[in-house]
C-alpha atoms as a PDB file:
ATOM      1  CA  MET A   1      -0.032   0.261  -0.293  1.00  0.00           C
ATOM      2  CA  ALA A   2       1.090   3.441  -0.856  1.00  0.00           C
ATOM      3  CA  ARG A   3       1.810   5.981   2.038  1.00  0.00           C
ATOM      4  CA  ILE A   4       1.914   9.762   2.524  1.00  0.00           C
ATOM      5  CA  LEU A   5       4.414  11.511   4.747  1.00  0.00           C
ATOM      6  CA  LEU A   6       3.026  12.996   7.858  1.00  0.00           C
ATOM      7  CA  GLU A   7       4.587  15.803   9.864  1.00  0.00           C
ATOM      8  CA  ILE A   8       3.073  17.406  12.964  1.00  0.00           C
ATOM      9  CA  VAL A   9       4.590  20.734  14.135  1.00  0.00           C
ATOM     10  CA  THR A  10       4.359  22.607  17.074  1.00  0.00           C
ATOM     11  CA  PRO A  11       5.931  26.251  17.642  1.00  0.00           C
ATOM     12  CA  ASN A  12       8.005  24.140  20.299  1.00  0.00           C
ATOM     13  CA  ARG A  13       8.796  20.740  18.152  1.00  0.00           C
ATOM     14  CA  LEU A  14       8.702  18.643  15.215  1.00  0.00           C
ATOM     15  CA  VAL A  15       6.159  15.894  16.995  1.00  0.00           C
ATOM     16  CA  VAL A  16       5.727  13.143  14.339  1.00  0.00           C
ATOM     17  CA  SER A  17       7.447  12.624  10.578  1.00  0.00           C
ATOM     18  CA  GLU A  18       6.562   9.460   9.473  1.00  0.00           C
ATOM     19  CA  GLU A  19       5.267   7.501   6.317  1.00  0.00           C
ATOM     20  CA  VAL A  20       1.779   6.014   7.273  1.00  0.00           C
ATOM     21  CA  ASP A  21      -1.203   4.801   5.674  1.00  0.00           C
ATOM     22  CA  ILE A  22      -3.936   6.849   6.466  1.00  0.00           C
ATOM     23  CA  VAL A  23      -4.401  10.109   8.478  1.00  0.00           C
ATOM     24  CA  THR A  24      -7.506  10.788  10.491  1.00  0.00           C
ATOM     25  CA  ALA A  25      -7.643  14.491  11.711  1.00  0.00           C
ATOM     26  CA  PRO A  26     -10.248  16.632  13.398  1.00  0.00           C
ATOM     27  CA  GLY A  27     -11.221  19.596  10.790  1.00  0.00           C
ATOM     28  CA  VAL A  28     -12.815  22.705  11.604  1.00  0.00           C
ATOM     29  CA  ALA A  29     -15.594  21.684   9.005  1.00  0.00           C
ATOM     30  CA  GLY A  30     -15.816  18.091  10.090  1.00  0.00           C
ATOM     31  CA  GLU A  31     -13.629  15.005  10.640  1.00  0.00           C
ATOM     32  CA  PHE A  32     -11.365  14.109   7.507  1.00  0.00           C
ATOM     33  CA  GLY A  33      -9.121  11.303   6.111  1.00  0.00           C
ATOM     34  CA  VAL A  34      -5.712  11.561   3.979  1.00  0.00           C
ATOM     35  CA  MET A  35      -4.202   8.676   2.205  1.00  0.00           C
ATOM     36  CA  ALA A  36      -1.348   8.712  -0.251  1.00  0.00           C
ATOM     37  CA  ASN A  37      -1.711  10.529  -3.627  1.00  0.00           C
ATOM     38  CA  HIS A  38      -4.607  12.507  -1.964  1.00  0.00           C
ATOM     39  CA  ALA A  39      -5.400  15.906  -4.043  1.00  0.00           C
ATOM     40  CA  PRO A  40      -3.680  19.047  -2.654  1.00  0.00           C
ATOM     41  CA  MET A  41      -6.042  21.127   0.110  1.00  0.00           C
ATOM     42  CA  VAL A  42      -5.524  23.326   3.287  1.00  0.00           C
ATOM     43  CA  ALA A  43      -7.659  22.904   6.183  1.00  0.00           C
ATOM     44  CA  ALA A  44      -8.144  24.413   9.648  1.00  0.00           C
ATOM     45  CA  ILE A  45      -7.886  22.006  12.455  1.00  0.00           C
ATOM     46  CA  LYS A  46      -9.897  22.396  15.770  1.00  0.00           C
ATOM     47  CA  ILE A  47      -9.284  20.794  18.980  1.00  0.00           C
ATOM     48  CA  GLY A  48      -9.488  17.426  18.903  1.00  0.00           C
ATOM     49  CA  GLU A  49      -8.142  13.698  18.277  1.00  0.00           C
ATOM     50  CA  LEU A  50      -5.677  12.842  15.440  1.00  0.00           C
ATOM     51  CA  ARG A  51      -5.065   9.303  14.574  1.00  0.00           C
ATOM     52  CA  TYR A  52      -3.044   7.246  12.194  1.00  0.00           C
ATOM     53  CA  ARG A  53      -2.241   4.042  11.045  1.00  0.00           C
ATOM     54  CA  VAL A  54       0.670   2.220   9.798  1.00  0.00           C
ATOM     55  CA  ASP A  55      -0.071  -1.144   8.858  1.00  0.00           C
ATOM     56  CA  ASP A  56      -1.680  -2.836  11.778  1.00  0.00           C
ATOM     57  CA  ARG A  57      -0.770  -0.298  14.347  1.00  0.00           C
ATOM     58  CA  GLN A  58      -2.848   2.783  14.779  1.00  0.00           C
ATOM     59  CA  GLU A  59      -1.360   5.599  16.740  1.00  0.00           C
ATOM     60  CA  PHE A  60      -3.500   8.833  18.798  1.00  0.00           C
ATOM     61  CA  LEU A  61      -2.858  12.467  19.604  1.00  0.00           C
ATOM     62  CA  ALA A  62      -4.730  15.276  21.185  1.00  0.00           C
ATOM     63  CA  VAL A  63      -4.205  18.145  19.024  1.00  0.00           C
ATOM     64  CA  SER A  64      -5.066  21.864  19.493  1.00  0.00           C
ATOM     65  CA  GLU A  65      -6.131  24.553  16.379  1.00  0.00           C
ATOM     66  CA  GLY A  66      -3.956  24.614  13.557  1.00  0.00           C
ATOM     67  CA  PHE A  67      -3.794  24.293   9.629  1.00  0.00           C
ATOM     68  CA  CYS A  68      -3.119  21.538   7.738  1.00  0.00           C
ATOM     69  CA  GLU A  69      -1.708  21.107   4.451  1.00  0.00           C
ATOM     70  CA  VAL A  70      -1.648  18.124   1.737  1.00  0.00           C
ATOM     71  CA  SER A  71       0.642  18.527  -1.166  1.00  0.00           C
ATOM     72  CA  GLY A  72       2.943  16.055  -3.160  1.00  0.00           C
ATOM     73  CA  ASN A  73       2.144  12.987  -1.039  1.00  0.00           C
ATOM     74  CA  LYS A  74       2.890  14.926   2.042  1.00  0.00           C
ATOM     75  CA  ILE A  75       0.659  15.925   4.742  1.00  0.00           C
ATOM     76  CA  THR A  76       2.004  18.884   7.330  1.00  0.00           C
ATOM     77  CA  PHE A  77      -0.126  19.842  10.315  1.00  0.00           C
ATOM     78  CA  LEU A  78       0.841  23.187  12.086  1.00  0.00           C
ATOM     79  CA  CYS A  79      -0.901  23.250  15.438  1.00  0.00           C
ATOM     80  CA  GLU A  80      -0.500  25.541  18.606  1.00  0.00           C
ATOM     81  CA  ALA A  81      -0.146  22.170  20.944  1.00  0.00           C
ATOM     82  CA  ALA A  82       0.222  18.276  19.726  1.00  0.00           C
ATOM     83  CA  GLU A  83       0.942  14.957  22.399  1.00  0.00           C
ATOM     84  CA  LYS A  84       1.304  11.566  21.546  1.00  0.00           C
ATOM     85  CA  ALA A  85      -0.740   9.648  23.555  1.00  0.00           C
ATOM     86  CA  GLU A  86       2.027   8.119  25.767  1.00  0.00           C
ATOM     87  CA  GLU A  87       2.926  11.778  26.463  1.00  0.00           C
ATOM     88  CA  ILE A  88       0.057  12.608  28.106  1.00  0.00           C
ATOM     89  CA  ASP A  89       0.063  13.355  31.742  1.00  0.00           C
ATOM     90  CA  VAL A  90      -3.534  12.070  32.819  1.00  0.00           C
ATOM     91  CA  GLU A  91      -3.468  13.495  36.593  1.00  0.00           C
ATOM     92  CA  ARG A  92      -2.500  17.129  34.984  1.00  0.00           C
ATOM     93  CA  ALA A  93      -5.120  16.811  32.111  1.00  0.00           C
ATOM     94  CA  LEU A  94      -7.899  16.067  35.294  1.00  0.00           C
ATOM     95  CA  LYS A  95      -6.696  18.786  36.941  1.00  0.00           C
ATOM     96  CA  ALA A  96      -6.939  21.128  33.906  1.00  0.00           C
ATOM     97  CA  LYS A  97     -10.415  19.589  33.201  1.00  0.00           C
ATOM     98  CA  GLU A  98     -11.508  20.267  37.173  1.00  0.00           C
ATOM     99  CA  ARG A  99     -10.421  24.151  36.644  1.00  0.00           C
ATOM    100  CA  ALA A 100     -11.893  24.695  33.886  1.00  0.00           C
ATOM    101  CA  GLU A 101     -15.305  22.738  34.767  1.00  0.00           C
ATOM    102  CA  LYS A 102     -15.105  24.772  38.187  1.00  0.00           C
ATOM    103  CA  ARG A 103     -14.685  28.323  36.334  1.00  0.00           C
ATOM    104  CA  LEU A 104     -17.397  27.726  34.125  1.00  0.00           C
ATOM    105  CA  GLN A 105     -20.260  26.613  37.271  1.00  0.00           C
ATOM    106  CA  GLU A 106     -18.841  29.727  38.952  1.00  0.00           C
ATOM    107  CA  ALA A 107     -19.252  32.184  35.972  1.00  0.00           C
ATOM    108  CA  ALA A 108     -23.029  30.934  35.518  1.00  0.00           C
ATOM    109  CA  ALA A 109     -23.879  31.083  39.058  1.00  0.00           C
ATOM    110  CA  LYS A 110     -22.346  34.016  39.894  1.00  0.00           C
ATOM    111  CA  ALA A 111     -22.921  35.950  36.347  1.00  0.00           C
ATOM    112  CA  GLU A 112     -18.856  36.643  36.613  1.00  0.00           C
ATOM    113  CA  LYS A 113     -17.166  37.987  33.656  1.00  0.00           C
ATOM    114  CA  ILE A 114     -14.456  35.622  32.962  1.00  0.00           C
ATOM    115  CA  ASP A 115     -13.313  34.584  29.678  1.00  0.00           C
ATOM    116  CA  ILE A 116     -16.111  31.766  28.840  1.00  0.00           C
ATOM    117  CA  ALA A 117     -14.481  30.925  25.364  1.00  0.00           C
ATOM    118  CA  ARG A 118     -11.169  30.200  27.276  1.00  0.00           C
ATOM    119  CA  ALA A 119     -12.484  28.049  29.729  1.00  0.00           C
ATOM    120  CA  GLN A 120     -14.533  26.472  27.245  1.00  0.00           C
ATOM    121  CA  ALA A 121     -11.334  25.773  25.263  1.00  0.00           C
ATOM    122  CA  ALA A 122      -9.543  24.675  28.305  1.00  0.00           C
ATOM    123  CA  LEU A 123     -12.133  21.994  29.045  1.00  0.00           C
ATOM    124  CA  ALA A 124     -12.328  20.554  25.555  1.00  0.00           C
ATOM    125  CA  ARG A 125      -8.348  20.480  25.361  1.00  0.00           C
ATOM    126  CA  ALA A 126      -8.413  18.403  28.802  1.00  0.00           C
ATOM    127  CA  LEU A 127     -11.566  16.434  27.768  1.00  0.00           C
ATOM    128  CA  VAL A 128      -9.671  15.235  24.339  1.00  0.00           C
ATOM    129  CA  ARG A 129      -6.356  14.910  25.858  1.00  0.00           C
ATOM    130  CA  LEU A 130      -8.110  12.228  28.267  1.00  0.00           C
ATOM    131  CA  ARG A 131     -10.045  10.141  25.641  1.00  0.00           C
ATOM    132  CA  VAL A 132      -6.746  10.184  23.817  1.00  0.00           C
ATOM    133  CA  ALA A 133      -4.977   8.821  26.520  1.00  0.00           C
ATOM    134  CA  GLU A 134      -7.740   6.354  27.350  1.00  0.00           C
ATOM    135  CA  LYS A 135      -7.812   5.025  23.806  1.00  0.00           C
ATOM    136  CA  ALA A 136      -4.268   4.422  23.656  1.00  0.00           C
ATOM    137  CA  LYS A 137      -4.667   2.441  26.444  1.00  0.00           C
ATOM    138  CA  MET A 138      -7.141   0.205  24.963  1.00  0.00           C
ATOM    139  CA  VAL A 139      -5.520  -0.646  21.679  1.00  0.00           C
ATOM    140  CA  LYS A 140      -2.334  -1.469  23.045  1.00  0.00           C
END
């Protein structure tokens, strides 16, 4: 089977650079998949789960907002943050989830002026990190 080069890049590091069979990503307009010889495209990425497969091995990552470009049998993701499942600190993600939920509850109860979008994004990131960590455990 033909493969496509997957690269996932954040401002701090190159997270993945590997030839893969298929990539499935959380696009702003919906989840999409890309295989070898895909037509060129650019897509916006939202907070979510990115997964890819090489032979029988499935890998999971938690990604935040960014962009994706497909060109010349290569797919490149430029994301604010990306973590492989095995890199996720579950305790830290649980604490982030609790903090975000508390901020949203307090804002609703007291009509506080907090940045609700920021708290919702933090909650979304924490939930994705926890889901990706759990899926990786089930696969292995």
